[in-house]
Amino acid sequence: MAEVVVEGGLAIRLLDGQELTSIQFGGSVLGEILGYRSFRRAHQVLAAAHAAAIADHPVQYGEPVLVETSLWWRPPLVAFAAFAASLVPALILGYILH
């Protein structure tokens, strides 16, 4: 990790220049207006941990970091949404006909 960045949300910049961001810590209009005050404490904690890690183990430049993104939760969520959506017309029709 090269640094923790607070611009357009909270991100971690890797040594090879890649930025890791998160939907949870992504940018927002309110954050742009207020300067991401809610992320400042998280930024301080991560930056302090990073500084301590570098002090204990100096940075060794090597191969680029392999970043893997997993979206395993999307198919089950879509299946559940489709199932729930199919129940609504049946419930409405059952209510009308009852």
C-alpha atoms as a PDB file:
ATOM      1  CA  MET A   1       0.000   0.000   0.000  1.00  0.00           C
ATOM      2  CA  ALA A   2       1.340   3.404  -0.926  1.00  0.00           C
ATOM      3  CA  GLU A   3      -1.192   5.626   0.827  1.00  0.00           C
ATOM      4  CA  VAL A   4      -4.757   6.111   2.002  1.00  0.00           C
ATOM      5  CA  VAL A   5      -6.537   8.734  -0.081  1.00  0.00           C
ATOM      6  CA  VAL A   6      -9.581  10.859   0.755  1.00  0.00           C
ATOM      7  CA  GLU A   7     -10.703  12.436  -2.495  1.00  0.00           C
ATOM      8  CA  GLY A   8     -14.041  11.525  -3.998  1.00  0.00           C
ATOM      9  CA  GLY A   9     -14.460   9.051  -1.133  1.00  0.00           C
ATOM     10  CA  LEU A  10     -12.027   6.836   0.759  1.00  0.00           C
ATOM     11  CA  ALA A  11      -9.544   4.797  -1.276  1.00  0.00           C
ATOM     12  CA  ILE A  12      -6.302   2.894  -0.868  1.00  0.00           C
ATOM     13  CA  ARG A  13      -3.598   3.571  -3.452  1.00  0.00           C
ATOM     14  CA  LEU A  14      -1.259   0.645  -4.060  1.00  0.00           C
ATOM     15  CA  LEU A  15       2.433   0.861  -4.881  1.00  0.00           C
ATOM     16  CA  ASP A  16       1.746   0.051  -8.534  1.00  0.00           C
ATOM     17  CA  GLY A  17      -0.659   3.019  -8.817  1.00  0.00           C
ATOM     18  CA  GLN A  18      -3.946   1.075  -8.619  1.00  0.00           C
ATOM     19  CA  GLU A  19      -6.640   2.510  -6.374  1.00  0.00           C
ATOM     20  CA  LEU A  20      -8.915   0.259  -4.355  1.00  0.00           C
ATOM     21  CA  THR A  21     -12.261   1.855  -3.690  1.00  0.00           C
ATOM     22  CA  SER A  22     -15.486   0.662  -2.162  1.00  0.00           C
ATOM     23  CA  ILE A  23     -19.150   1.310  -2.767  1.00  0.00           C
ATOM     24  CA  GLN A  24     -19.529   1.873   0.971  1.00  0.00           C
ATOM     25  CA  PHE A  25     -16.794   4.507   1.030  1.00  0.00           C
ATOM     26  CA  GLY A  26     -17.516   5.966  -2.408  1.00  0.00           C
ATOM     27  CA  GLY A  27     -17.912   9.601  -3.244  1.00  0.00           C
ATOM     28  CA  SER A  28     -21.064  11.639  -2.806  1.00  0.00           C
ATOM     29  CA  VAL A  29     -22.358  15.126  -3.495  1.00  0.00           C
ATOM     30  CA  LEU A  30     -22.597  15.843   0.248  1.00  0.00           C
ATOM     31  CA  GLY A  31     -19.050  14.566   0.729  1.00  0.00           C
ATOM     32  CA  GLU A  32     -17.771  16.885  -1.993  1.00  0.00           C
ATOM     33  CA  ILE A  33     -19.502  19.839  -0.338  1.00  0.00           C
ATOM     34  CA  LEU A  34     -18.415  19.042   3.234  1.00  0.00           C
ATOM     35  CA  GLY A  35     -14.943  17.725   2.422  1.00  0.00           C
ATOM     36  CA  TYR A  36     -15.623  14.117   3.468  1.00  0.00           C
ATOM     37  CA  ARG A  37     -15.572  14.890   7.195  1.00  0.00           C
ATOM     38  CA  SER A  38     -17.052  11.470   7.989  1.00  0.00           C
ATOM     39  CA  PHE A  39     -14.021   9.760   6.402  1.00  0.00           C
ATOM     40  CA  ARG A  40     -11.344  11.806   8.184  1.00  0.00           C
ATOM     41  CA  ARG A  41     -11.214   9.582  11.287  1.00  0.00           C
ATOM     42  CA  ALA A  42     -11.063   6.406   9.182  1.00  0.00           C
ATOM     43  CA  HIS A  43      -8.350   8.019   7.071  1.00  0.00           C
ATOM     44  CA  GLN A  44      -6.326   8.884  10.194  1.00  0.00           C
ATOM     45  CA  VAL A  45      -6.610   5.346  11.579  1.00  0.00           C
ATOM     46  CA  LEU A  46      -5.594   3.728   8.276  1.00  0.00           C
ATOM     47  CA  ALA A  47      -2.751   6.199   7.694  1.00  0.00           C
ATOM     48  CA  ALA A  48      -1.393   5.577  11.225  1.00  0.00           C
ATOM     49  CA  ALA A  49      -1.550   1.802  10.745  1.00  0.00           C
ATOM     50  CA  HIS A  50       0.206   2.191   7.392  1.00  0.00           C
ATOM     51  CA  ALA A  51       2.964   4.337   8.914  1.00  0.00           C
ATOM     52  CA  ALA A  52       3.466   1.795  11.734  1.00  0.00           C
ATOM     53  CA  ALA A  53       3.626  -1.081   9.246  1.00  0.00           C
ATOM     54  CA  ILE A  54       6.239   0.729   7.152  1.00  0.00           C
ATOM     55  CA  ALA A  55       8.276   1.483  10.280  1.00  0.00           C
ATOM     56  CA  ASP A  56       8.253  -2.216  11.241  1.00  0.00           C
ATOM     57  CA  HIS A  57       8.755  -3.560   7.712  1.00  0.00           C
ATOM     58  CA  PRO A  58      10.264  -1.234   5.101  1.00  0.00           C
ATOM     59  CA  VAL A  59       8.487  -1.250   1.749  1.00  0.00           C
ATOM     60  CA  GLN A  60       9.853  -3.766  -0.720  1.00  0.00           C
ATOM     61  CA  TYR A  61       8.965  -3.005  -4.303  1.00  0.00           C
ATOM     62  CA  GLY A  62       8.156  -6.120  -6.243  1.00  0.00           C
ATOM     63  CA  GLU A  63       5.574  -7.403  -8.644  1.00  0.00           C
ATOM     64  CA  PRO A  64       2.227  -5.600  -9.023  1.00  0.00           C
ATOM     65  CA  VAL A  65      -0.469  -6.641  -6.600  1.00  0.00           C
ATOM     66  CA  LEU A  66      -3.188  -8.920  -7.974  1.00  0.00           C
ATOM     67  CA  VAL A  67      -6.553  -7.461  -7.012  1.00  0.00           C
ATOM     68  CA  GLU A  68      -9.512  -9.823  -7.108  1.00  0.00           C
ATOM     69  CA  THR A  69     -13.069  -8.539  -7.083  1.00  0.00           C
ATOM     70  CA  SER A  70     -15.815 -10.865  -5.944  1.00  0.00           C
ATOM     71  CA  LEU A  71     -19.477 -10.268  -6.608  1.00  0.00           C
ATOM     72  CA  TRP A  72     -20.684 -13.651  -5.356  1.00  0.00           C
ATOM     73  CA  TRP A  73     -23.641 -11.995  -3.599  1.00  0.00           C
ATOM     74  CA  ARG A  74     -25.254 -10.649  -6.787  1.00  0.00           C
ATOM     75  CA  PRO A  75     -26.800 -13.842  -8.255  1.00  0.00           C
ATOM     76  CA  PRO A  76     -28.521 -14.857  -4.972  1.00  0.00           C
ATOM     77  CA  LEU A  77     -29.777 -11.298  -4.518  1.00  0.00           C
ATOM     78  CA  VAL A  78     -31.204 -11.184  -8.059  1.00  0.00           C
ATOM     79  CA  ALA A  79     -32.844 -14.598  -7.565  1.00  0.00           C
ATOM     80  CA  PHE A  80     -34.431 -13.469  -4.288  1.00  0.00           C
ATOM     81  CA  ALA A  81     -35.661 -10.207  -5.851  1.00  0.00           C
ATOM     82  CA  ALA A  82     -37.226 -12.105  -8.753  1.00  0.00           C
ATOM     83  CA  PHE A  83     -38.899 -14.534  -6.351  1.00  0.00           C
ATOM     84  CA  ALA A  84     -40.233 -11.715  -4.159  1.00  0.00           C
ATOM     85  CA  ALA A  85     -41.468  -9.794  -7.206  1.00  0.00           C
ATOM     86  CA  SER A  86     -43.351 -12.865  -8.442  1.00  0.00           C
ATOM     87  CA  LEU A  87     -45.193 -13.131  -5.113  1.00  0.00           C
ATOM     88  CA  VAL A  88     -46.594  -9.594  -5.214  1.00  0.00           C
ATOM     89  CA  PRO A  89     -49.067 -10.142  -8.102  1.00  0.00           C
ATOM     90  CA  ALA A  90     -50.149 -13.473  -6.584  1.00  0.00           C
ATOM     91  CA  LEU A  91     -50.806 -11.823  -3.211  1.00  0.00           C
ATOM     92  CA  ILE A  92     -52.719  -8.953  -4.802  1.00  0.00           C
ATOM     93  CA  LEU A  93     -54.816 -11.342  -6.903  1.00  0.00           C
ATOM     94  CA  GLY A  94     -55.470 -13.559  -3.863  1.00  0.00           C
ATOM     95  CA  TYR A  95     -56.601 -10.517  -1.880  1.00  0.00           C
ATOM     96  CA  ILE A  96     -58.926  -9.346  -4.664  1.00  0.00           C
ATOM     97  CA  LEU A  97     -60.481 -12.771  -5.241  1.00  0.00           C
ATOM     98  CA  HIS A  98     -60.863 -13.593  -1.570  1.00  0.00           C
END
